[in-house]
Amino acid sequence: MKNTVEVSGIEVFAYHGCMEEEARLGGKFIVDVEINTDFMKAAESDQLIDTIDYVRVREIVVEEMSIRSKLIEHVAYRIIKRFRQEFKSMNKAWVKVRKINPPINGTVKEVAVVMEG
């Protein structure tokens, strides 16, 4: 059976970007996560051990976001890689990393990458 655990709107201040000022000043990022798994055992048992712990999902996102990268593509890749390592029941993950108010010419609310793996 296919089920999904979602954790949306994880806000993080981080230092990702290709420009020196991004490394120095940092910026706001928002991460959304979907993890496909089968959590029917948890639905029956009512035990956290039988599902994906969304507290741990957030912790992994925060840990990976704290490691500086030039590209948010690289950050999304690392997050999915960590999910694979820690959540053995995971079938697939979808991660969206949004950079709020990126320092590019013109007014842009956000840029984002979406990765599935």
PDB file of N, CA and C in Angstrom:
ATOM      1  N   MET A   1       0.842  -1.175   0.000  1.00  0.00           N
ATOM      2  CA  MET A   1       0.000   0.000   0.000  1.00  0.00           C
ATOM      3  C   MET A   1       0.891   1.243   0.000  1.00  0.00           C
ATOM      4  N   LYS A   2       0.459   2.278  -0.700  1.00  0.00           N
ATOM      5  CA  LYS A   2       1.226   3.520  -0.782  1.00  0.00           C
ATOM      6  C   LYS A   2       0.607   4.553   0.149  1.00  0.00           C
ATOM      7  N   ASN A   3       1.416   5.058   1.061  1.00  0.00           N
ATOM      8  CA  ASN A   3       1.016   6.115   1.970  1.00  0.00           C
ATOM      9  C   ASN A   3       2.083   7.202   1.929  1.00  0.00           C
ATOM     10  N   THR A   4       1.718   8.394   2.350  1.00  0.00           N
ATOM     11  CA  THR A   4       2.650   9.516   2.313  1.00  0.00           C
ATOM     12  C   THR A   4       2.674  10.246   3.645  1.00  0.00           C
ATOM     13  N   VAL A   5       3.884  10.536   4.113  1.00  0.00           N
ATOM     14  CA  VAL A   5       4.099  11.401   5.264  1.00  0.00           C
ATOM     15  C   VAL A   5       4.591  12.724   4.695  1.00  0.00           C
ATOM     16  N   GLU A   6       3.934  13.827   5.061  1.00  0.00           N
ATOM     17  CA  GLU A   6       4.318  15.149   4.578  1.00  0.00           C
ATOM     18  C   GLU A   6       4.734  16.034   5.745  1.00  0.00           C
ATOM     19  N   VAL A   7       5.813  16.762   5.536  1.00  0.00           N
ATOM     20  CA  VAL A   7       6.235  17.805   6.480  1.00  0.00           C
ATOM     21  C   VAL A   7       6.470  19.044   5.622  1.00  0.00           C
ATOM     22  N   SER A   8       5.655  20.057   5.820  1.00  0.00           N
ATOM     23  CA  SER A   8       5.675  21.232   4.945  1.00  0.00           C
ATOM     24  C   SER A   8       6.057  22.500   5.699  1.00  0.00           C
ATOM     25  N   GLY A   9       6.736  23.378   4.988  1.00  0.00           N
ATOM     26  CA  GLY A   9       7.044  24.695   5.538  1.00  0.00           C
ATOM     27  C   GLY A   9       8.127  24.715   6.592  1.00  0.00           C
ATOM     28  N   ILE A  10       9.120  23.847   6.459  1.00  0.00           N
ATOM     29  CA  ILE A  10      10.244  23.848   7.404  1.00  0.00           C
ATOM     30  C   ILE A  10      11.095  25.087   7.104  1.00  0.00           C
ATOM     31  N   GLU A  11      11.093  26.045   8.014  1.00  0.00           N
ATOM     32  CA  GLU A  11      11.836  27.289   7.810  1.00  0.00           C
ATOM     33  C   GLU A  11      13.227  27.179   8.421  1.00  0.00           C
ATOM     34  N   VAL A  12      14.210  27.585   7.619  1.00  0.00           N
ATOM     35  CA  VAL A  12      15.605  27.488   8.041  1.00  0.00           C
ATOM     36  C   VAL A  12      16.350  28.723   7.550  1.00  0.00           C
ATOM     37  N   PHE A  13      17.233  29.241   8.374  1.00  0.00           N
ATOM     38  CA  PHE A  13      18.151  30.287   7.931  1.00  0.00           C
ATOM     39  C   PHE A  13      19.453  29.592   7.598  1.00  0.00           C
ATOM     40  N   ALA A  14      19.949  29.780   6.366  1.00  0.00           N
ATOM     41  CA  ALA A  14      21.141  29.054   5.929  1.00  0.00           C
ATOM     42  C   ALA A  14      21.985  29.925   5.011  1.00  0.00           C
ATOM     43  N   TYR A  15      23.111  29.385   4.580  1.00  0.00           N
ATOM     44  CA  TYR A  15      24.118  30.157   3.852  1.00  0.00           C
ATOM     45  C   TYR A  15      24.423  29.560   2.477  1.00  0.00           C
ATOM     46  N   HIS A  16      23.407  29.146   1.746  1.00  0.00           N
ATOM     47  CA  HIS A  16      23.596  28.539   0.434  1.00  0.00           C
ATOM     48  C   HIS A  16      23.581  29.595  -0.659  1.00  0.00           C
ATOM     49  N   GLY A  17      24.409  29.379  -1.663  1.00  0.00           N
ATOM     50  CA  GLY A  17      24.438  30.270  -2.808  1.00  0.00           C
ATOM     51  C   GLY A  17      25.828  30.394  -3.383  1.00  0.00           C
ATOM     52  N   CYS A  18      25.895  30.824  -4.612  1.00  0.00           N
ATOM     53  CA  CYS A  18      27.170  30.960  -5.313  1.00  0.00           C
ATOM     54  C   CYS A  18      27.872  32.282  -5.029  1.00  0.00           C
ATOM     55  N   MET A  19      27.137  33.249  -4.536  1.00  0.00           N
ATOM     56  CA  MET A  19      27.706  34.569  -4.296  1.00  0.00           C
ATOM     57  C   MET A  19      28.315  34.649  -2.891  1.00  0.00           C
ATOM     58  N   GLU A  20      29.408  35.425  -2.784  1.00  0.00           N
ATOM     59  CA  GLU A  20      30.077  35.590  -1.492  1.00  0.00           C
ATOM     60  C   GLU A  20      29.139  36.159  -0.425  1.00  0.00           C
ATOM     61  N   GLU A  21      28.286  37.099  -0.827  1.00  0.00           N
ATOM     62  CA  GLU A  21      27.384  37.715   0.152  1.00  0.00           C
ATOM     63  C   GLU A  21      26.408  36.701   0.730  1.00  0.00           C
ATOM     64  N   GLU A  22      26.028  35.685  -0.050  1.00  0.00           N
ATOM     65  CA  GLU A  22      25.130  34.644   0.467  1.00  0.00           C
ATOM     66  C   GLU A  22      25.833  33.808   1.522  1.00  0.00           C
ATOM     67  N   ALA A  23      27.124  33.568   1.311  1.00  0.00           N
ATOM     68  CA  ALA A  23      27.914  32.813   2.294  1.00  0.00           C
ATOM     69  C   ALA A  23      28.094  33.607   3.576  1.00  0.00           C
ATOM     70  N   ARG A  24      28.167  34.914   3.448  1.00  0.00           N
ATOM     71  CA  ARG A  24      28.387  35.782   4.600  1.00  0.00           C
ATOM     72  C   ARG A  24      27.099  36.140   5.329  1.00  0.00           C
ATOM     73  N   LEU A  25      26.077  36.520   4.562  1.00  0.00           N
ATOM     74  CA  LEU A  25      24.843  37.041   5.158  1.00  0.00           C
ATOM     75  C   LEU A  25      23.768  35.986   5.372  1.00  0.00           C
ATOM     76  N   GLY A  26      23.751  34.972   4.527  1.00  0.00           N
ATOM     77  CA  GLY A  26      22.733  33.937   4.631  1.00  0.00           C
ATOM     78  C   GLY A  26      21.376  34.422   4.178  1.00  0.00           C
ATOM     79  N   GLY A  27      20.394  33.551   4.304  1.00  0.00           N
ATOM     80  CA  GLY A  27      19.041  33.892   3.903  1.00  0.00           C
ATOM     81  C   GLY A  27      18.043  32.859   4.370  1.00  0.00           C
ATOM     82  N   LYS A  28      16.792  33.157   4.118  1.00  0.00           N
ATOM     83  CA  LYS A  28      15.696  32.284   4.543  1.00  0.00           C
ATOM     84  C   LYS A  28      15.383  31.251   3.463  1.00  0.00           C
ATOM     85  N   PHE A  29      15.177  30.022   3.903  1.00  0.00           N
ATOM     86  CA  PHE A  29      14.805  28.920   3.033  1.00  0.00           C
ATOM     87  C   PHE A  29      13.589  28.212   3.632  1.00  0.00           C
ATOM     88  N   ILE A  30      12.781  27.653   2.776  1.00  0.00           N
ATOM     89  CA  ILE A  30      11.642  26.844   3.219  1.00  0.00           C
ATOM     90  C   ILE A  30      11.715  25.512   2.493  1.00  0.00           C
ATOM     91  N   VAL A  31      11.576  24.435   3.252  1.00  0.00           N
ATOM     92  CA  VAL A  31      11.682  23.087   2.695  1.00  0.00           C
ATOM     93  C   VAL A  31      10.375  22.340   2.942  1.00  0.00           C
ATOM     94  N   ASP A  32       9.893  21.692   1.885  1.00  0.00           N
ATOM     95  CA  ASP A  32       8.718  20.820   1.956  1.00  0.00           C
ATOM     96  C   ASP A  32       9.156  19.402   1.616  1.00  0.00           C
ATOM     97  N   VAL A  33       8.582  18.430   2.331  1.00  0.00           N
ATOM     98  CA  VAL A  33       8.983  17.039   2.167  1.00  0.00           C
ATOM     99  C   VAL A  33       7.764  16.146   2.052  1.00  0.00           C
ATOM    100  N   GLU A  34       7.838  15.183   1.150  1.00  0.00           N
ATOM    101  CA  GLU A  34       6.877  14.079   1.095  1.00  0.00           C
ATOM    102  C   GLU A  34       7.680  12.791   1.061  1.00  0.00           C
ATOM    103  N   ILE A  35       7.304  11.852   1.902  1.00  0.00           N
ATOM    104  CA  ILE A  35       7.967  10.553   1.920  1.00  0.00           C
ATOM    105  C   ILE A  35       6.916   9.482   1.714  1.00  0.00           C
ATOM    106  N   ASN A  36       7.099   8.710   0.658  1.00  0.00           N
ATOM    107  CA  ASN A  36       6.195   7.591   0.372  1.00  0.00           C
ATOM    108  C   ASN A  36       6.691   6.353   1.095  1.00  0.00           C
ATOM    109  N   THR A  37       5.766   5.705   1.791  1.00  0.00           N
ATOM    110  CA  THR A  37       6.077   4.528   2.583  1.00  0.00           C
ATOM    111  C   THR A  37       4.788   3.735   2.751  1.00  0.00           C
ATOM    112  N   ASP A  38       4.867   2.642   3.426  1.00  0.00           N
ATOM    113  CA  ASP A  38       3.662   1.900   3.805  1.00  0.00           C
ATOM    114  C   ASP A  38       3.544   2.003   5.323  1.00  0.00           C
ATOM    115  N   PHE A  39       2.617   2.822   5.801  1.00  0.00           N
ATOM    116  CA  PHE A  39       2.491   2.978   7.256  1.00  0.00           C
ATOM    117  C   PHE A  39       1.247   2.290   7.823  1.00  0.00           C
ATOM    118  N   MET A  40       0.769   1.277   7.133  1.00  0.00           N
ATOM    119  CA  MET A  40      -0.404   0.556   7.630  1.00  0.00           C
ATOM    120  C   MET A  40      -0.134  -0.145   8.964  1.00  0.00           C
ATOM    121  N   LYS A  41       1.099  -0.614   9.158  1.00  0.00           N
ATOM    122  CA  LYS A  41       1.439  -1.231  10.443  1.00  0.00           C
ATOM    123  C   LYS A  41       1.272  -0.209  11.570  1.00  0.00           C
ATOM    124  N   ALA A  42       1.719   1.036  11.337  1.00  0.00           N
ATOM    125  CA  ALA A  42       1.567   2.099  12.341  1.00  0.00           C
ATOM    126  C   ALA A  42       0.098   2.449  12.549  1.00  0.00           C
ATOM    127  N   ALA A  43      -0.663   2.425  11.470  1.00  0.00           N
ATOM    128  CA  ALA A  43      -2.093   2.720  11.581  1.00  0.00           C
ATOM    129  C   ALA A  43      -2.777   1.701  12.489  1.00  0.00           C
ATOM    130  N   GLU A  44      -2.317   0.459  12.431  1.00  0.00           N
ATOM    131  CA  GLU A  44      -2.888  -0.601  13.271  1.00  0.00           C
ATOM    132  C   GLU A  44      -2.295  -0.605  14.674  1.00  0.00           C
ATOM    133  N   SER A  45      -0.966  -0.407  14.781  1.00  0.00           N
ATOM    134  CA  SER A  45      -0.286  -0.544  16.073  1.00  0.00           C
ATOM    135  C   SER A  45      -0.331   0.713  16.934  1.00  0.00           C
ATOM    136  N   ASP A  46      -0.472   1.884  16.308  1.00  0.00           N
ATOM    137  CA  ASP A  46      -0.422   3.172  16.998  1.00  0.00           C
ATOM    138  C   ASP A  46       0.945   3.395  17.647  1.00  0.00           C
ATOM    139  N   GLN A  47       2.009   2.880  16.999  1.00  0.00           N
ATOM    140  CA  GLN A  47       3.370   3.004  17.515  1.00  0.00           C
ATOM    141  C   GLN A  47       4.238   3.803  16.543  1.00  0.00           C
ATOM    142  N   LEU A  48       4.951   4.787  17.065  1.00  0.00           N
ATOM    143  CA  LEU A  48       5.810   5.640  16.259  1.00  0.00           C
ATOM    144  C   LEU A  48       6.875   4.847  15.511  1.00  0.00           C
ATOM    145  N   ILE A  49       7.375   3.806  16.111  1.00  0.00           N
ATOM    146  CA  ILE A  49       8.432   2.994  15.499  1.00  0.00           C
ATOM    147  C   ILE A  49       7.996   2.370  14.166  1.00  0.00           C
ATOM    148  N   ASP A  50       6.697   2.297  13.932  1.00  0.00           N
ATOM    149  CA  ASP A  50       6.174   1.650  12.729  1.00  0.00           C
ATOM    150  C   ASP A  50       5.917   2.618  11.580  1.00  0.00           C
ATOM    151  N   THR A  51       6.382   3.854  11.712  1.00  0.00           N
ATOM    152  CA  THR A  51       6.161   4.848  10.656  1.00  0.00           C
ATOM    153  C   THR A  51       7.387   5.739  10.506  1.00  0.00           C
ATOM    154  N   ILE A  52       7.280   6.753   9.680  1.00  0.00           N
ATOM    155  CA  ILE A  52       8.327   7.762   9.517  1.00  0.00           C
ATOM    156  C   ILE A  52       8.089   8.848  10.559  1.00  0.00           C
ATOM    157  N   ASP A  53       9.068   9.075  11.405  1.00  0.00           N
ATOM    158  CA  ASP A  53       8.964  10.074  12.478  1.00  0.00           C
ATOM    159  C   ASP A  53       9.180  11.463  11.882  1.00  0.00           C
ATOM    160  N   TYR A  54       8.120  12.291  11.836  1.00  0.00           N
ATOM    161  CA  TYR A  54       8.269  13.598  11.208  1.00  0.00           C
ATOM    162  C   TYR A  54       9.097  14.570  12.027  1.00  0.00           C
ATOM    163  N   VAL A  55       9.301  14.295  13.301  1.00  0.00           N
ATOM    164  CA  VAL A  55      10.240  15.097  14.086  1.00  0.00           C
ATOM    165  C   VAL A  55      11.653  14.853  13.547  1.00  0.00           C
ATOM    166  N   ARG A  56      11.952  13.589  13.270  1.00  0.00           N
ATOM    167  CA  ARG A  56      13.264  13.245  12.713  1.00  0.00           C
ATOM    168  C   ARG A  56      13.428  13.792  11.300  1.00  0.00           C
ATOM    169  N   VAL A  57      12.349  13.809  10.522  1.00  0.00           N
ATOM    170  CA  VAL A  57      12.380  14.388   9.172  1.00  0.00           C
ATOM    171  C   VAL A  57      12.851  15.835   9.265  1.00  0.00           C
ATOM    172  N   ARG A  58      12.239  16.604  10.152  1.00  0.00           N
ATOM    173  CA  ARG A  58      12.617  18.007  10.320  1.00  0.00           C
ATOM    174  C   ARG A  58      14.061  18.141  10.777  1.00  0.00           C
ATOM    175  N   GLU A  59      14.482  17.310  11.719  1.00  0.00           N
ATOM    176  CA  GLU A  59      15.866  17.363  12.206  1.00  0.00           C
ATOM    177  C   GLU A  59      16.862  17.124  11.076  1.00  0.00           C
ATOM    178  N   ILE A  60      16.584  16.145  10.231  1.00  0.00           N
ATOM    179  CA  ILE A  60      17.478  15.846   9.104  1.00  0.00           C
ATOM    180  C   ILE A  60      17.552  17.041   8.162  1.00  0.00           C
ATOM    181  N   VAL A  61      16.416  17.630   7.861  1.00  0.00           N
ATOM    182  CA  VAL A  61      16.400  18.806   6.987  1.00  0.00           C
ATOM    183  C   VAL A  61      17.251  19.922   7.587  1.00  0.00           C
ATOM    184  N   VAL A  62      17.064  20.219   8.859  1.00  0.00           N
ATOM    185  CA  VAL A  62      17.812  21.287   9.521  1.00  0.00           C
ATOM    186  C   VAL A  62      19.317  20.968   9.510  1.00  0.00           C
ATOM    187  N   GLU A  63      19.679  19.719   9.790  1.00  0.00           N
ATOM    188  CA  GLU A  63      21.095  19.324   9.794  1.00  0.00           C
ATOM    189  C   GLU A  63      21.720  19.510   8.413  1.00  0.00           C
ATOM    190  N   GLU A  64      21.047  19.061   7.380  1.00  0.00           N
ATOM    191  CA  GLU A  64      21.596  19.174   6.027  1.00  0.00           C
ATOM    192  C   GLU A  64      21.605  20.618   5.535  1.00  0.00           C
ATOM    193  N   MET A  65      20.614  21.392   5.927  1.00  0.00           N
ATOM    194  CA  MET A  65      20.579  22.799   5.534  1.00  0.00           C
ATOM    195  C   MET A  65      21.696  23.595   6.210  1.00  0.00           C
ATOM    196  N   SER A  66      22.204  23.118   7.332  1.00  0.00           N
ATOM    197  CA  SER A  66      23.273  23.830   8.038  1.00  0.00           C
ATOM    198  C   SER A  66      24.641  23.634   7.384  1.00  0.00           C
ATOM    199  N   ILE A  67      24.753  22.699   6.445  1.00  0.00           N
ATOM    200  CA  ILE A  67      26.002  22.462   5.715  1.00  0.00           C
ATOM    201  C   ILE A  67      25.964  23.305   4.437  1.00  0.00           C
ATOM    202  N   ARG A  68      26.851  24.257   4.348  1.00  0.00           N
ATOM    203  CA  ARG A  68      26.835  25.188   3.214  1.00  0.00           C
ATOM    204  C   ARG A  68      27.046  24.485   1.880  1.00  0.00           C
ATOM    205  N   SER A  69      26.250  24.887   0.904  1.00  0.00           N
ATOM    206  CA  SER A  69      26.384  24.443  -0.486  1.00  0.00           C
ATOM    207  C   SER A  69      26.207  25.649  -1.389  1.00  0.00           C
ATOM    208  N   LYS A  70      26.799  25.581  -2.551  1.00  0.00           N
ATOM    209  CA  LYS A  70      26.583  26.634  -3.530  1.00  0.00           C
ATOM    210  C   LYS A  70      25.198  26.497  -4.150  1.00  0.00           C
ATOM    211  N   LEU A  71      24.763  25.263  -4.366  1.00  0.00           N
ATOM    212  CA  LEU A  71      23.508  25.001  -5.072  1.00  0.00           C
ATOM    213  C   LEU A  71      22.477  24.349  -4.156  1.00  0.00           C
ATOM    214  N   ILE A  72      21.236  24.817  -4.246  1.00  0.00           N
ATOM    215  CA  ILE A  72      20.174  24.172  -3.470  1.00  0.00           C
ATOM    216  C   ILE A  72      19.850  22.792  -4.046  1.00  0.00           C
ATOM    217  N   GLU A  73      20.224  22.543  -5.280  1.00  0.00           N
ATOM    218  CA  GLU A  73      20.093  21.203  -5.856  1.00  0.00           C
ATOM    219  C   GLU A  73      20.908  20.200  -5.044  1.00  0.00           C
ATOM    220  N   HIS A  74      22.098  20.631  -4.642  1.00  0.00           N
ATOM    221  CA  HIS A  74      22.983  19.763  -3.848  1.00  0.00           C
ATOM    222  C   HIS A  74      22.388  19.495  -2.472  1.00  0.00           C
ATOM    223  N   VAL A  75      21.784  20.500  -1.883  1.00  0.00           N
ATOM    224  CA  VAL A  75      21.155  20.340  -0.566  1.00  0.00           C
ATOM    225  C   VAL A  75      19.986  19.351  -0.656  1.00  0.00           C
ATOM    226  N   ALA A  76      19.134  19.511  -1.671  1.00  0.00           N
ATOM    227  CA  ALA A  76      17.996  18.592  -1.850  1.00  0.00           C
ATOM    228  C   ALA A  76      18.478  17.160  -2.007  1.00  0.00           C
ATOM    229  N   TYR A  77      19.546  16.968  -2.770  1.00  0.00           N
ATOM    230  CA  TYR A  77      20.123  15.640  -2.975  1.00  0.00           C
ATOM    231  C   TYR A  77      20.595  15.045  -1.652  1.00  0.00           C
ATOM    232  N   ARG A  78      21.290  15.845  -0.845  1.00  0.00           N
ATOM    233  CA  ARG A  78      21.782  15.344   0.443  1.00  0.00           C
ATOM    234  C   ARG A  78      20.640  14.976   1.379  1.00  0.00           C
ATOM    235  N   ILE A  79      19.573  15.764   1.370  1.00  0.00           N
ATOM    236  CA  ILE A  79      18.422  15.474   2.232  1.00  0.00           C
ATOM    237  C   ILE A  79      17.821  14.125   1.855  1.00  0.00           C
ATOM    238  N   ILE A  80      17.604  13.891   0.578  1.00  0.00           N
ATOM    239  CA  ILE A  80      17.035  12.606   0.139  1.00  0.00           C
ATOM    240  C   ILE A  80      17.971  11.455   0.476  1.00  0.00           C
ATOM    241  N   LYS A  81      19.263  11.677   0.298  1.00  0.00           N
ATOM    242  CA  LYS A  81      20.263  10.640   0.632  1.00  0.00           C
ATOM    243  C   LYS A  81      20.185  10.269   2.116  1.00  0.00           C
ATOM    244  N   ARG A  82      20.058  11.274   2.986  1.00  0.00           N
ATOM    245  CA  ARG A  82      19.929  11.011   4.431  1.00  0.00           C
ATOM    246  C   ARG A  82      18.642  10.264   4.754  1.00  0.00           C
ATOM    247  N   PHE A  83      17.542  10.658   4.095  1.00  0.00           N
ATOM    248  CA  PHE A  83      16.284   9.945   4.310  1.00  0.00           C
ATOM    249  C   PHE A  83      16.458   8.472   3.969  1.00  0.00           C
ATOM    250  N   ARG A  84      17.106   8.176   2.845  1.00  0.00           N
ATOM    251  CA  ARG A  84      17.341   6.777   2.423  1.00  0.00           C
ATOM    252  C   ARG A  84      18.128   6.009   3.479  1.00  0.00           C
ATOM    253  N   GLN A  85      19.126   6.678   4.058  1.00  0.00           N
ATOM    254  CA  GLN A  85      19.962   6.032   5.071  1.00  0.00           C
ATOM    255  C   GLN A  85      19.184   5.754   6.360  1.00  0.00           C
ATOM    256  N   GLU A  86      18.311   6.665   6.753  1.00  0.00           N
ATOM    257  CA  GLU A  86      17.675   6.571   8.061  1.00  0.00           C
ATOM    258  C   GLU A  86      16.286   5.937   8.065  1.00  0.00           C
ATOM    259  N   PHE A  87      15.586   6.006   6.945  1.00  0.00           N
ATOM    260  CA  PHE A  87      14.227   5.492   6.900  1.00  0.00           C
ATOM    261  C   PHE A  87      14.166   4.298   5.952  1.00  0.00           C
ATOM    262  N   LYS A  88      14.395   3.131   6.483  1.00  0.00           N
ATOM    263  CA  LYS A  88      14.464   1.909   5.665  1.00  0.00           C
ATOM    264  C   LYS A  88      13.127   1.578   5.014  1.00  0.00           C
ATOM    265  N   SER A  89      12.032   2.039   5.586  1.00  0.00           N
ATOM    266  CA  SER A  89      10.711   1.753   5.009  1.00  0.00           C
ATOM    267  C   SER A  89      10.315   2.741   3.915  1.00  0.00           C
ATOM    268  N   MET A  90      11.169   3.721   3.654  1.00  0.00           N
ATOM    269  CA  MET A  90      10.872   4.726   2.635  1.00  0.00           C
ATOM    270  C   MET A  90      10.956   4.112   1.243  1.00  0.00           C
ATOM    271  N   ASN A  91       9.934   4.357   0.437  1.00  0.00           N
ATOM    272  CA  ASN A  91       9.964   3.930  -0.957  1.00  0.00           C
ATOM    273  C   ASN A  91      10.529   5.027  -1.846  1.00  0.00           C
ATOM    274  N   LYS A  92      10.094   6.253  -1.607  1.00  0.00           N
ATOM    275  CA  LYS A  92      10.506   7.393  -2.419  1.00  0.00           C
ATOM    276  C   LYS A  92      10.302   8.658  -1.608  1.00  0.00           C
ATOM    277  N   ALA A  93      11.136   9.657  -1.890  1.00  0.00           N
ATOM    278  CA  ALA A  93      10.982  10.951  -1.231  1.00  0.00           C
ATOM    279  C   ALA A  93      10.924  12.045  -2.278  1.00  0.00           C
ATOM    280  N   TRP A  94      10.214  13.112  -1.935  1.00  0.00           N
ATOM    281  CA  TRP A  94      10.086  14.304  -2.757  1.00  0.00           C
ATOM    282  C   TRP A  94      10.462  15.468  -1.860  1.00  0.00           C
ATOM    283  N   VAL A  95      11.423  16.285  -2.311  1.00  0.00           N
ATOM    284  CA  VAL A  95      11.890  17.413  -1.512  1.00  0.00           C
ATOM    285  C   VAL A  95      11.862  18.671  -2.368  1.00  0.00           C
ATOM    286  N   LYS A  96      11.301  19.737  -1.805  1.00  0.00           N
ATOM    287  CA  LYS A  96      11.300  21.043  -2.463  1.00  0.00           C
ATOM    288  C   LYS A  96      12.046  22.009  -1.553  1.00  0.00           C
ATOM    289  N   VAL A  97      13.105  22.620  -2.082  1.00  0.00           N
ATOM    290  CA  VAL A  97      13.887  23.612  -1.343  1.00  0.00           C
ATOM    291  C   VAL A  97      13.648  24.957  -2.005  1.00  0.00           C
ATOM    292  N   ARG A  98      13.108  25.897  -1.212  1.00  0.00           N
ATOM    293  CA  ARG A  98      12.809  27.241  -1.714  1.00  0.00           C
ATOM    294  C   ARG A  98      13.744  28.261  -1.070  1.00  0.00           C
ATOM    295  N   LYS A  99      14.337  29.093  -1.899  1.00  0.00           N
ATOM    296  CA  LYS A  99      15.177  30.196  -1.431  1.00  0.00           C
ATOM    297  C   LYS A  99      14.327  31.455  -1.522  1.00  0.00           C
ATOM    298  N   ILE A 100      14.102  32.087  -0.381  1.00  0.00           N
ATOM    299  CA  ILE A 100      13.233  33.252  -0.306  1.00  0.00           C
ATOM    300  C   ILE A 100      14.033  34.527  -0.610  1.00  0.00           C
ATOM    301  N   ASN A 101      13.467  35.391  -1.436  1.00  0.00           N
ATOM    302  CA  ASN A 101      14.106  36.651  -1.823  1.00  0.00           C
ATOM    303  C   ASN A 101      15.549  36.469  -2.290  1.00  0.00           C
ATOM    304  N   PRO A 102      15.763  35.677  -3.331  1.00  0.00           N
ATOM    305  CA  PRO A 102      17.131  35.438  -3.796  1.00  0.00           C
ATOM    306  C   PRO A 102      17.761  36.723  -4.347  1.00  0.00           C
ATOM    307  N   PRO A 103      19.072  36.869  -4.196  1.00  0.00           N
ATOM    308  CA  PRO A 103      19.741  38.087  -4.652  1.00  0.00           C
ATOM    309  C   PRO A 103      20.009  38.035  -6.164  1.00  0.00           C
ATOM    310  N   ILE A 104      18.945  38.195  -6.930  1.00  0.00           N
ATOM    311  CA  ILE A 104      19.095  38.251  -8.386  1.00  0.00           C
ATOM    312  C   ILE A 104      18.474  39.549  -8.876  1.00  0.00           C
ATOM    313  N   ASN A 105      18.819  39.946 -10.078  1.00  0.00           N
ATOM    314  CA  ASN A 105      18.297  41.206 -10.617  1.00  0.00           C
ATOM    315  C   ASN A 105      16.785  41.160 -10.728  1.00  0.00           C
ATOM    316  N   GLY A 106      16.134  42.179 -10.236  1.00  0.00           N
ATOM    317  CA  GLY A 106      14.684  42.238 -10.287  1.00  0.00           C
ATOM    318  C   GLY A 106      14.056  41.702  -9.025  1.00  0.00           C
ATOM    319  N   THR A 107      12.748  41.814  -8.954  1.00  0.00           N
ATOM    320  CA  THR A 107      12.008  41.338  -7.793  1.00  0.00           C
ATOM    321  C   THR A 107      11.561  39.908  -8.035  1.00  0.00           C
ATOM    322  N   VAL A 108      12.039  39.023  -7.207  1.00  0.00           N
ATOM    323  CA  VAL A 108      11.673  37.613  -7.274  1.00  0.00           C
ATOM    324  C   VAL A 108      11.367  37.151  -5.854  1.00  0.00           C
ATOM    325  N   LYS A 109      10.189  36.642  -5.641  1.00  0.00           N
ATOM    326  CA  LYS A 109       9.775  36.199  -4.312  1.00  0.00           C
ATOM    327  C   LYS A 109      10.593  34.995  -3.843  1.00  0.00           C
ATOM    328  N   GLU A 110      10.771  34.026  -4.728  1.00  0.00           N
ATOM    329  CA  GLU A 110      11.533  32.830  -4.366  1.00  0.00           C
ATOM    330  C   GLU A 110      11.952  32.077  -5.613  1.00  0.00           C
ATOM    331  N   VAL A 111      12.982  31.253  -5.437  1.00  0.00           N
ATOM    332  CA  VAL A 111      13.353  30.267  -6.444  1.00  0.00           C
ATOM    333  C   VAL A 111      13.295  28.918  -5.738  1.00  0.00           C
ATOM    334  N   ALA A 112      13.114  27.858  -6.493  1.00  0.00           N
ATOM    335  CA  ALA A 112      12.974  26.541  -5.862  1.00  0.00           C
ATOM    336  C   ALA A 112      13.499  25.452  -6.766  1.00  0.00           C
ATOM    337  N   VAL A 113      13.911  24.361  -6.138  1.00  0.00           N
ATOM    338  CA  VAL A 113      14.200  23.125  -6.856  1.00  0.00           C
ATOM    339  C   VAL A 113      13.354  22.034  -6.218  1.00  0.00           C
ATOM    340  N   VAL A 114      12.948  21.096  -7.040  1.00  0.00           N
ATOM    341  CA  VAL A 114      12.187  19.937  -6.568  1.00  0.00           C
ATOM    342  C   VAL A 114      12.954  18.699  -7.005  1.00  0.00           C
ATOM    343  N   MET A 115      13.182  17.787  -6.076  1.00  0.00           N
ATOM    344  CA  MET A 115      13.893  16.561  -6.379  1.00  0.00           C
ATOM    345  C   MET A 115      13.115  15.386  -5.843  1.00  0.00           C
ATOM    346  N   GLU A 116      13.106  14.319  -6.604  1.00  0.00           N
ATOM    347  CA  GLU A 116      12.439  13.083  -6.191  1.00  0.00           C
ATOM    348  C   GLU A 116      13.453  11.959  -6.282  1.00  0.00           C
ATOM    349  N   GLY A 117      13.450  11.119  -5.293  1.00  0.00           N
ATOM    350  CA  GLY A 117      14.416  10.017  -5.337  1.00  0.00           C
ATOM    351  C   GLY A 117      14.115   8.944  -4.329  1.00  0.00           C
TER     352      GLY A 117
END
